[in-house]
PDB file of all heavy atoms in Angstrom:
ATOM      1  N   ARG A   1       0.847  -1.241  -0.007  1.00  0.00           N
ATOM      2  CA  ARG A   1       0.012   0.029  -0.009  1.00  0.00           C
ATOM      3  C   ARG A   1       0.851   1.246  -0.012  1.00  0.00           C
ATOM      4  O   ARG A   1       0.432   2.305  -0.471  1.00  0.00           O
ATOM      5  CB  ARG A   1      -0.951  -0.018   1.203  1.00  0.00           C
ATOM      6  CG  ARG A   1      -1.882  -1.234   1.241  1.00  0.00           C
ATOM      7  CD  ARG A   1      -2.668  -1.306   2.534  1.00  0.00           C
ATOM      8  NE  ARG A   1      -1.869  -1.452   3.730  1.00  0.00           N
ATOM      9  CZ  ARG A   1      -1.313  -2.604   4.068  1.00  0.00           C
ATOM     10  NH1 ARG A   1      -1.500  -3.689   3.346  1.00  0.00           N
ATOM     11  NH2 ARG A   1      -0.553  -2.705   5.190  1.00  0.00           N
ATOM     12  N   ASN A   2       2.044   1.163   0.600  1.00  0.00           N
ATOM     13  CA  ASN A   2       2.925   2.341   0.646  1.00  0.00           C
ATOM     14  C   ASN A   2       4.173   2.271  -0.209  1.00  0.00           C
ATOM     15  O   ASN A   2       5.028   3.168  -0.196  1.00  0.00           O
ATOM     16  CB  ASN A   2       3.339   2.639   2.121  1.00  0.00           C
ATOM     17  CG  ASN A   2       4.259   1.560   2.713  1.00  0.00           C
ATOM     18  OD1 ASN A   2       4.673   0.644   1.992  1.00  0.00           O
ATOM     19  ND2 ASN A   2       4.594   1.683   3.941  1.00  0.00           N
ATOM     20  N   GLY A   3       4.337   1.149  -0.963  1.00  0.00           N
ATOM     21  CA  GLY A   3       5.417   1.036  -1.879  1.00  0.00           C
ATOM     22  C   GLY A   3       6.710   0.585  -1.216  1.00  0.00           C
ATOM     23  O   GLY A   3       7.789   0.603  -1.928  1.00  0.00           O
ATOM     24  N   LYS A   4       6.715   0.183   0.050  1.00  0.00           N
ATOM     25  CA  LYS A   4       7.897  -0.238   0.713  1.00  0.00           C
ATOM     26  C   LYS A   4       7.747  -1.743   1.042  1.00  0.00           C
ATOM     27  O   LYS A   4       6.888  -2.166   1.799  1.00  0.00           O
ATOM     28  CB  LYS A   4       8.137   0.543   2.037  1.00  0.00           C
ATOM     29  CG  LYS A   4       8.465   2.002   1.772  1.00  0.00           C
ATOM     30  CD  LYS A   4       8.914   2.686   3.058  1.00  0.00           C
ATOM     31  CE  LYS A   4       9.275   4.119   2.743  1.00  0.00           C
ATOM     32  NZ  LYS A   4       9.758   4.854   3.973  1.00  0.00           N
ATOM     33  N   VAL A   5       8.662  -2.518   0.359  1.00  0.00           N
ATOM     34  CA  VAL A   5       8.577  -3.966   0.463  1.00  0.00           C
ATOM     35  C   VAL A   5       9.848  -4.514   1.097  1.00  0.00           C
ATOM     36  O   VAL A   5      10.998  -4.265   0.593  1.00  0.00           O
ATOM     37  CB  VAL A   5       8.407  -4.578  -0.902  1.00  0.00           C
ATOM     38  CG1 VAL A   5       8.460  -6.109  -0.883  1.00  0.00           C
ATOM     39  CG2 VAL A   5       7.143  -4.086  -1.550  1.00  0.00           C
ATOM     40  N   GLY A   6       9.745  -5.276   2.177  1.00  0.00           N
ATOM     41  CA  GLY A   6      10.882  -5.918   2.775  1.00  0.00           C
ATOM     42  C   GLY A   6      11.147  -7.299   2.121  1.00  0.00           C
ATOM     43  O   GLY A   6      10.188  -7.993   1.850  1.00  0.00           O
ATOM     44  N   VAL A   7      12.429  -7.593   1.873  1.00  0.00           N
ATOM     45  CA  VAL A   7      12.753  -8.850   1.234  1.00  0.00           C
ATOM     46  C   VAL A   7      13.673  -9.627   2.210  1.00  0.00           C
ATOM     47  O   VAL A   7      14.804  -9.172   2.411  1.00  0.00           O
ATOM     48  CB  VAL A   7      13.412  -8.685  -0.079  1.00  0.00           C
ATOM     49  CG1 VAL A   7      13.707 -10.036  -0.752  1.00  0.00           C
ATOM     50  CG2 VAL A   7      12.528  -7.811  -0.999  1.00  0.00           C
ATOM     51  N   LEU A   8      13.195 -10.732   2.737  1.00  0.00           N
ATOM     52  CA  LEU A   8      13.949 -11.590   3.637  1.00  0.00           C
ATOM     53  C   LEU A   8      14.486 -12.767   2.802  1.00  0.00           C
ATOM     54  O   LEU A   8      13.702 -13.531   2.222  1.00  0.00           O
ATOM     55  CB  LEU A   8      13.055 -12.085   4.724  1.00  0.00           C
ATOM     56  CG  LEU A   8      13.651 -12.557   6.088  1.00  0.00           C
ATOM     57  CD1 LEU A   8      14.386 -11.435   6.772  1.00  0.00           C
ATOM     58  CD2 LEU A   8      12.569 -13.150   6.927  1.00  0.00           C
ATOM     59  N   ALA A   9      15.807 -12.917   2.694  1.00  0.00           N
ATOM     60  CA  ALA A   9      16.348 -13.951   1.858  1.00  0.00           C
ATOM     61  C   ALA A   9      17.784 -14.265   2.301  1.00  0.00           C
ATOM     62  O   ALA A   9      18.361 -13.641   3.215  1.00  0.00           O
ATOM     63  CB  ALA A   9      16.358 -13.484   0.378  1.00  0.00           C
ATOM     64  N   THR A  10      18.401 -15.266   1.668  1.00  0.00           N
ATOM     65  CA  THR A  10      19.814 -15.578   1.957  1.00  0.00           C
ATOM     66  C   THR A  10      20.702 -14.512   1.297  1.00  0.00           C
ATOM     67  O   THR A  10      20.321 -13.867   0.346  1.00  0.00           O
ATOM     68  CB  THR A  10      20.208 -16.966   1.434  1.00  0.00           C
ATOM     69  OG1 THR A  10      20.167 -16.921   0.011  1.00  0.00           O
ATOM     70  CG2 THR A  10      19.288 -18.049   1.983  1.00  0.00           C
ATOM     71  N   ALA A  11      21.880 -14.418   1.838  1.00  0.00           N
ATOM     72  CA  ALA A  11      22.839 -13.424   1.264  1.00  0.00           C
ATOM     73  C   ALA A  11      23.150 -13.775  -0.208  1.00  0.00           C
ATOM     74  O   ALA A  11      23.222 -12.812  -1.036  1.00  0.00           O
ATOM     75  CB  ALA A  11      24.109 -13.434   2.100  1.00  0.00           C
ATOM     76  N   ARG A  12      23.260 -15.056  -0.497  1.00  0.00           N
ATOM     77  CA  ARG A  12      23.547 -15.462  -1.892  1.00  0.00           C
ATOM     78  C   ARG A  12      22.440 -15.021  -2.851  1.00  0.00           C
ATOM     79  O   ARG A  12      22.660 -14.495  -3.951  1.00  0.00           O
ATOM     80  CB  ARG A  12      23.735 -16.982  -1.948  1.00  0.00           C
ATOM     81  CG  ARG A  12      23.846 -17.571  -3.333  1.00  0.00           C
ATOM     82  CD  ARG A  12      24.969 -16.986  -4.204  1.00  0.00           C
ATOM     83  NE  ARG A  12      26.233 -17.091  -3.531  1.00  0.00           N
ATOM     84  CZ  ARG A  12      27.304 -16.443  -3.952  1.00  0.00           C
ATOM     85  NH1 ARG A  12      27.249 -15.585  -4.975  1.00  0.00           N
ATOM     86  NH2 ARG A  12      28.468 -16.597  -3.329  1.00  0.00           N
ATOM     87  N   THR A  13      21.189 -15.208  -2.466  1.00  0.00           N
ATOM     88  CA  THR A  13      20.044 -14.794  -3.281  1.00  0.00           C
ATOM     89  C   THR A  13      20.075 -13.296  -3.516  1.00  0.00           C
ATOM     90  O   THR A  13      19.970 -12.795  -4.650  1.00  0.00           O
ATOM     91  CB  THR A  13      18.717 -15.138  -2.616  1.00  0.00           C
ATOM     92  OG1 THR A  13      18.572 -16.552  -2.600  1.00  0.00           O
ATOM     93  CG2 THR A  13      17.519 -14.542  -3.366  1.00  0.00           C
ATOM     94  N   LEU A  14      20.327 -12.526  -2.465  1.00  0.00           N
ATOM     95  CA  LEU A  14      20.225 -11.065  -2.608  1.00  0.00           C
ATOM     96  C   LEU A  14      21.439 -10.465  -3.368  1.00  0.00           C
ATOM     97  O   LEU A  14      21.336  -9.356  -3.881  1.00  0.00           O
ATOM     98  CB  LEU A  14      20.199 -10.412  -1.188  1.00  0.00           C
ATOM     99  CG  LEU A  14      19.010 -10.767  -0.333  1.00  0.00           C
ATOM    100  CD1 LEU A  14      19.073 -10.086   0.980  1.00  0.00           C
ATOM    101  CD2 LEU A  14      17.699 -10.350  -1.054  1.00  0.00           C
ATOM    102  N   LYS A  15      22.515 -11.228  -3.510  1.00  0.00           N
ATOM    103  CA  LYS A  15      23.659 -10.763  -4.307  1.00  0.00           C
ATOM    104  C   LYS A  15      23.576 -11.256  -5.753  1.00  0.00           C
ATOM    105  O   LYS A  15      24.374 -10.808  -6.558  1.00  0.00           O
ATOM    106  CB  LYS A  15      24.982 -11.270  -3.695  1.00  0.00           C
ATOM    107  CG  LYS A  15      25.305 -10.699  -2.343  1.00  0.00           C
ATOM    108  CD  LYS A  15      26.588 -11.352  -1.768  1.00  0.00           C
ATOM    109  CE  LYS A  15      26.931 -10.805  -0.358  1.00  0.00           C
ATOM    110  NZ  LYS A  15      28.073 -11.577   0.172  1.00  0.00           N
ATOM    111  N   GLY A  16      22.652 -12.145  -6.071  1.00  0.00           N
ATOM    112  CA  GLY A  16      22.631 -12.766  -7.357  1.00  0.00           C
ATOM    113  C   GLY A  16      22.249 -11.798  -8.496  1.00  0.00           C
ATOM    114  O   GLY A  16      21.362 -10.914  -8.299  1.00  0.00           O
ATOM    115  N   GLU A  17      22.855 -11.955  -9.614  1.00  0.00           N
ATOM    116  CA  GLU A  17      22.611 -11.087 -10.764  1.00  0.00           C
ATOM    117  C   GLU A  17      21.087 -11.176 -11.197  1.00  0.00           C
ATOM    118  O   GLU A  17      20.499 -10.167 -11.510  1.00  0.00           O
ATOM    119  CB  GLU A  17      23.524 -11.423 -11.923  1.00  0.00           C
ATOM    120  CG  GLU A  17      23.321 -10.564 -13.200  1.00  0.00           C
ATOM    121  CD  GLU A  17      24.190 -11.036 -14.324  1.00  0.00           C
ATOM    122  OE1 GLU A  17      25.024 -11.925 -14.141  1.00  0.00           O
ATOM    123  OE2 GLU A  17      24.070 -10.463 -15.410  1.00  0.00           O
ATOM    124  N   LYS A  18      20.564 -12.371 -11.168  1.00  0.00           N
ATOM    125  CA  LYS A  18      19.201 -12.611 -11.603  1.00  0.00           C
ATOM    126  C   LYS A  18      18.221 -11.842 -10.675  1.00  0.00           C
ATOM    127  O   LYS A  18      17.326 -11.166 -11.125  1.00  0.00           O
ATOM    128  CB  LYS A  18      18.866 -14.091 -11.550  1.00  0.00           C
ATOM    129  CG  LYS A  18      17.437 -14.477 -12.013  1.00  0.00           C
ATOM    130  CD  LYS A  18      17.239 -15.972 -11.918  1.00  0.00           C
ATOM    131  CE  LYS A  18      15.839 -16.360 -12.218  1.00  0.00           C
ATOM    132  NZ  LYS A  18      15.485 -16.185 -13.604  1.00  0.00           N
ATOM    133  N   PHE A  19      18.501 -11.904  -9.353  1.00  0.00           N
ATOM    134  CA  PHE A  19      17.645 -11.182  -8.416  1.00  0.00           C
ATOM    135  C   PHE A  19      17.743  -9.658  -8.548  1.00  0.00           C
ATOM    136  O   PHE A  19      16.753  -8.953  -8.568  1.00  0.00           O
ATOM    137  CB  PHE A  19      18.010 -11.598  -6.995  1.00  0.00           C
ATOM    138  CG  PHE A  19      17.318 -10.722  -5.978  1.00  0.00           C
ATOM    139  CD1 PHE A  19      16.024 -10.938  -5.579  1.00  0.00           C
ATOM    140  CD2 PHE A  19      17.983  -9.635  -5.384  1.00  0.00           C
ATOM    141  CE1 PHE A  19      15.384 -10.083  -4.681  1.00  0.00           C
ATOM    142  CE2 PHE A  19      17.358  -8.804  -4.483  1.00  0.00           C
ATOM    143  CZ  PHE A  19      16.062  -9.043  -4.102  1.00  0.00           C
ATOM    144  N   LEU A  20      18.982  -9.207  -8.700  1.00  0.00           N
ATOM    145  CA  LEU A  20      19.180  -7.747  -8.825  1.00  0.00           C
ATOM    146  C   LEU A  20      18.559  -7.180 -10.053  1.00  0.00           C
ATOM    147  O   LEU A  20      18.024  -6.080 -10.083  1.00  0.00           O
ATOM    148  CB  LEU A  20      20.708  -7.425  -8.739  1.00  0.00           C
ATOM    149  CG  LEU A  20      21.374  -7.752  -7.421  1.00  0.00           C
ATOM    150  CD1 LEU A  20      22.870  -7.592  -7.510  1.00  0.00           C
ATOM    151  CD2 LEU A  20      20.742  -6.904  -6.302  1.00  0.00           C
ATOM    152  N   GLN A  21      18.579  -7.945 -11.148  1.00  0.00           N
ATOM    153  CA  GLN A  21      17.954  -7.524 -12.383  1.00  0.00           C
ATOM    154  C   GLN A  21      16.461  -7.459 -12.187  1.00  0.00           C
ATOM    155  O   GLN A  21      15.786  -6.494 -12.641  1.00  0.00           O
ATOM    156  CB  GLN A  21      18.283  -8.487 -13.535  1.00  0.00           C
ATOM    157  CG  GLN A  21      19.738  -8.373 -14.032  1.00  0.00           C
ATOM    158  CD  GLN A  21      20.072  -9.333 -15.123  1.00  0.00           C
ATOM    159  OE1 GLN A  21      19.342 -10.315 -15.356  1.00  0.00           O
ATOM    160  NE2 GLN A  21      21.188  -9.137 -15.772  1.00  0.00           N
ATOM    161  N   LEU A  22      15.896  -8.459 -11.522  1.00  0.00           N
ATOM    162  CA  LEU A  22      14.474  -8.506 -11.266  1.00  0.00           C
ATOM    163  C   LEU A  22      14.067  -7.303 -10.385  1.00  0.00           C
ATOM    164  O   LEU A  22      13.017  -6.651 -10.627  1.00  0.00           O
ATOM    165  CB  LEU A  22      14.075  -9.798 -10.567  1.00  0.00           C
ATOM    166  CG  LEU A  22      12.610 -10.018 -10.253  1.00  0.00           C
ATOM    167  CD1 LEU A  22      11.797 -10.129 -11.508  1.00  0.00           C
ATOM    168  CD2 LEU A  22      12.436 -11.273  -9.413  1.00  0.00           C
ATOM    169  N   ARG A  23      14.860  -7.029  -9.359  1.00  0.00           N
ATOM    170  CA  ARG A  23      14.550  -5.906  -8.487  1.00  0.00           C
ATOM    171  C   ARG A  23      14.487  -4.592  -9.276  1.00  0.00           C
ATOM    172  O   ARG A  23      13.548  -3.768  -9.116  1.00  0.00           O
ATOM    173  CB  ARG A  23      15.581  -5.826  -7.348  1.00  0.00           C
ATOM    174  CG  ARG A  23      15.299  -4.666  -6.382  1.00  0.00           C
ATOM    175  CD  ARG A  23      16.436  -4.402  -5.452  1.00  0.00           C
ATOM    176  NE  ARG A  23      17.650  -3.979  -6.183  1.00  0.00           N
ATOM    177  CZ  ARG A  23      18.705  -3.557  -5.584  1.00  0.00           C
ATOM    178  NH1 ARG A  23      18.804  -3.469  -4.246  1.00  0.00           N
ATOM    179  NH2 ARG A  23      19.826  -3.198  -6.271  1.00  0.00           N
ATOM    180  N   THR A  24      15.516  -4.367 -10.056  1.00  0.00           N
ATOM    181  CA  THR A  24      15.564  -3.171 -10.894  1.00  0.00           C
ATOM    182  C   THR A  24      14.376  -3.034 -11.820  1.00  0.00           C
ATOM    183  O   THR A  24      13.754  -1.972 -11.926  1.00  0.00           O
ATOM    184  CB  THR A  24      16.882  -3.097 -11.684  1.00  0.00           C
ATOM    185  OG1 THR A  24      18.005  -3.098 -10.786  1.00  0.00           O
ATOM    186  CG2 THR A  24      16.976  -1.886 -12.541  1.00  0.00           C
ATOM    187  N   GLN A  25      14.066  -4.126 -12.495  1.00  0.00           N
ATOM    188  CA  GLN A  25      12.971  -4.147 -13.430  1.00  0.00           C
ATOM    189  C   GLN A  25      11.617  -3.801 -12.792  1.00  0.00           C
ATOM    190  O   GLN A  25      10.894  -2.929 -13.283  1.00  0.00           O
ATOM    191  CB  GLN A  25      12.895  -5.484 -14.097  1.00  0.00           C
ATOM    192  CG  GLN A  25      11.700  -5.728 -15.019  1.00  0.00           C
ATOM    193  CD  GLN A  25      11.556  -7.182 -15.426  1.00  0.00           C
ATOM    194  OE1 GLN A  25      12.506  -7.973 -15.335  1.00  0.00           O
ATOM    195  NE2 GLN A  25      10.387  -7.603 -15.838  1.00  0.00           N
ATOM    196  N   ILE A  26      11.382  -4.413 -11.626  1.00  0.00           N
ATOM    197  CA  ILE A  26      10.068  -4.176 -11.007  1.00  0.00           C
ATOM    198  C   ILE A  26      10.048  -2.859 -10.308  1.00  0.00           C
ATOM    199  O   ILE A  26       9.018  -2.201 -10.265  1.00  0.00           O
ATOM    200  CB  ILE A  26       9.775  -5.330  -9.987  1.00  0.00           C
ATOM    201  CG1 ILE A  26       9.609  -6.649 -10.812  1.00  0.00           C
ATOM    202  CG2 ILE A  26       8.500  -5.113  -9.188  1.00  0.00           C
ATOM    203  CD1 ILE A  26       9.447  -7.890  -9.979  1.00  0.00           C
ATOM    204  N   SER A  27      11.192  -2.419  -9.783  1.00  0.00           N
ATOM    205  CA  SER A  27      11.224  -1.048  -9.157  1.00  0.00           C
ATOM    206  C   SER A  27      10.922   0.028 -10.174  1.00  0.00           C
ATOM    207  O   SER A  27      10.178   0.961  -9.894  1.00  0.00           O
ATOM    208  CB  SER A  27      12.636  -0.779  -8.588  1.00  0.00           C
ATOM    209  OG  SER A  27      12.870  -1.592  -7.418  1.00  0.00           O
ATOM    210  N   GLU A  28      11.480  -0.094 -11.379  1.00  0.00           N
ATOM    211  CA  GLU A  28      11.253   0.891 -12.427  1.00  0.00           C
ATOM    212  C   GLU A  28       9.815   0.843 -12.903  1.00  0.00           C
ATOM    213  O   GLU A  28       9.227   1.854 -13.219  1.00  0.00           O
ATOM    214  CB  GLU A  28      12.185   0.593 -13.600  1.00  0.00           C
ATOM    215  CG  GLU A  28      13.656   0.922 -13.256  1.00  0.00           C
ATOM    216  CD  GLU A  28      14.606   0.571 -14.402  1.00  0.00           C
ATOM    217  OE1 GLU A  28      14.107  -0.093 -15.361  1.00  0.00           O
ATOM    218  OE2 GLU A  28      15.802   0.916 -14.329  1.00  0.00           O
ATOM    219  N   ALA A  29       9.232  -0.365 -12.912  1.00  0.00           N
ATOM    220  CA  ALA A  29       7.864  -0.507 -13.414  1.00  0.00           C
ATOM    221  C   ALA A  29       6.752  -0.047 -12.388  1.00  0.00           C
ATOM    222  O   ALA A  29       5.719   0.463 -12.769  1.00  0.00           O
ATOM    223  CB  ALA A  29       7.553  -1.941 -13.819  1.00  0.00           C
ATOM    224  N   THR A  30       7.118  -0.193 -11.096  1.00  0.00           N
ATOM    225  CA  THR A  30       6.060   0.013 -10.080  1.00  0.00           C
ATOM    226  C   THR A  30       6.372   1.134  -9.075  1.00  0.00           C
ATOM    227  O   THR A  30       5.556   1.519  -8.270  1.00  0.00           O
ATOM    228  CB  THR A  30       5.896  -1.284  -9.213  1.00  0.00           C
ATOM    229  OG1 THR A  30       7.081  -1.533  -8.507  1.00  0.00           O
ATOM    230  CG2 THR A  30       5.523  -2.460 -10.122  1.00  0.00           C
ATOM    231  N   ARG A  31       7.652   1.638  -9.159  1.00  0.00           N
ATOM    232  CA  ARG A  31       8.157   2.630  -8.185  1.00  0.00           C
ATOM    233  C   ARG A  31       8.245   2.033  -6.773  1.00  0.00           C
ATOM    234  O   ARG A  31       8.459   2.822  -5.784  1.00  0.00           O
ATOM    235  CB  ARG A  31       7.234   3.876  -8.124  1.00  0.00           C
ATOM    236  CG  ARG A  31       7.018   4.554  -9.479  1.00  0.00           C
ATOM    237  CD  ARG A  31       8.216   5.389  -9.837  1.00  0.00           C
ATOM    238  NE  ARG A  31       8.034   6.131 -11.097  1.00  0.00           N
ATOM    239  CZ  ARG A  31       7.493   7.292 -11.246  1.00  0.00           C
ATOM    240  NH1 ARG A  31       7.176   7.971 -10.182  1.00  0.00           N
ATOM    241  NH2 ARG A  31       7.396   7.859 -12.425  1.00  0.00           N
TER     242      ARG A  31
END
């Protein structure tokens, strides 16, 4: 509702190129 999303994951997941690309893509699309 406020555009702030917490992501709980392993360090490996959060550093992964695939995850970071997905984050950027969805951030740009949804703010």
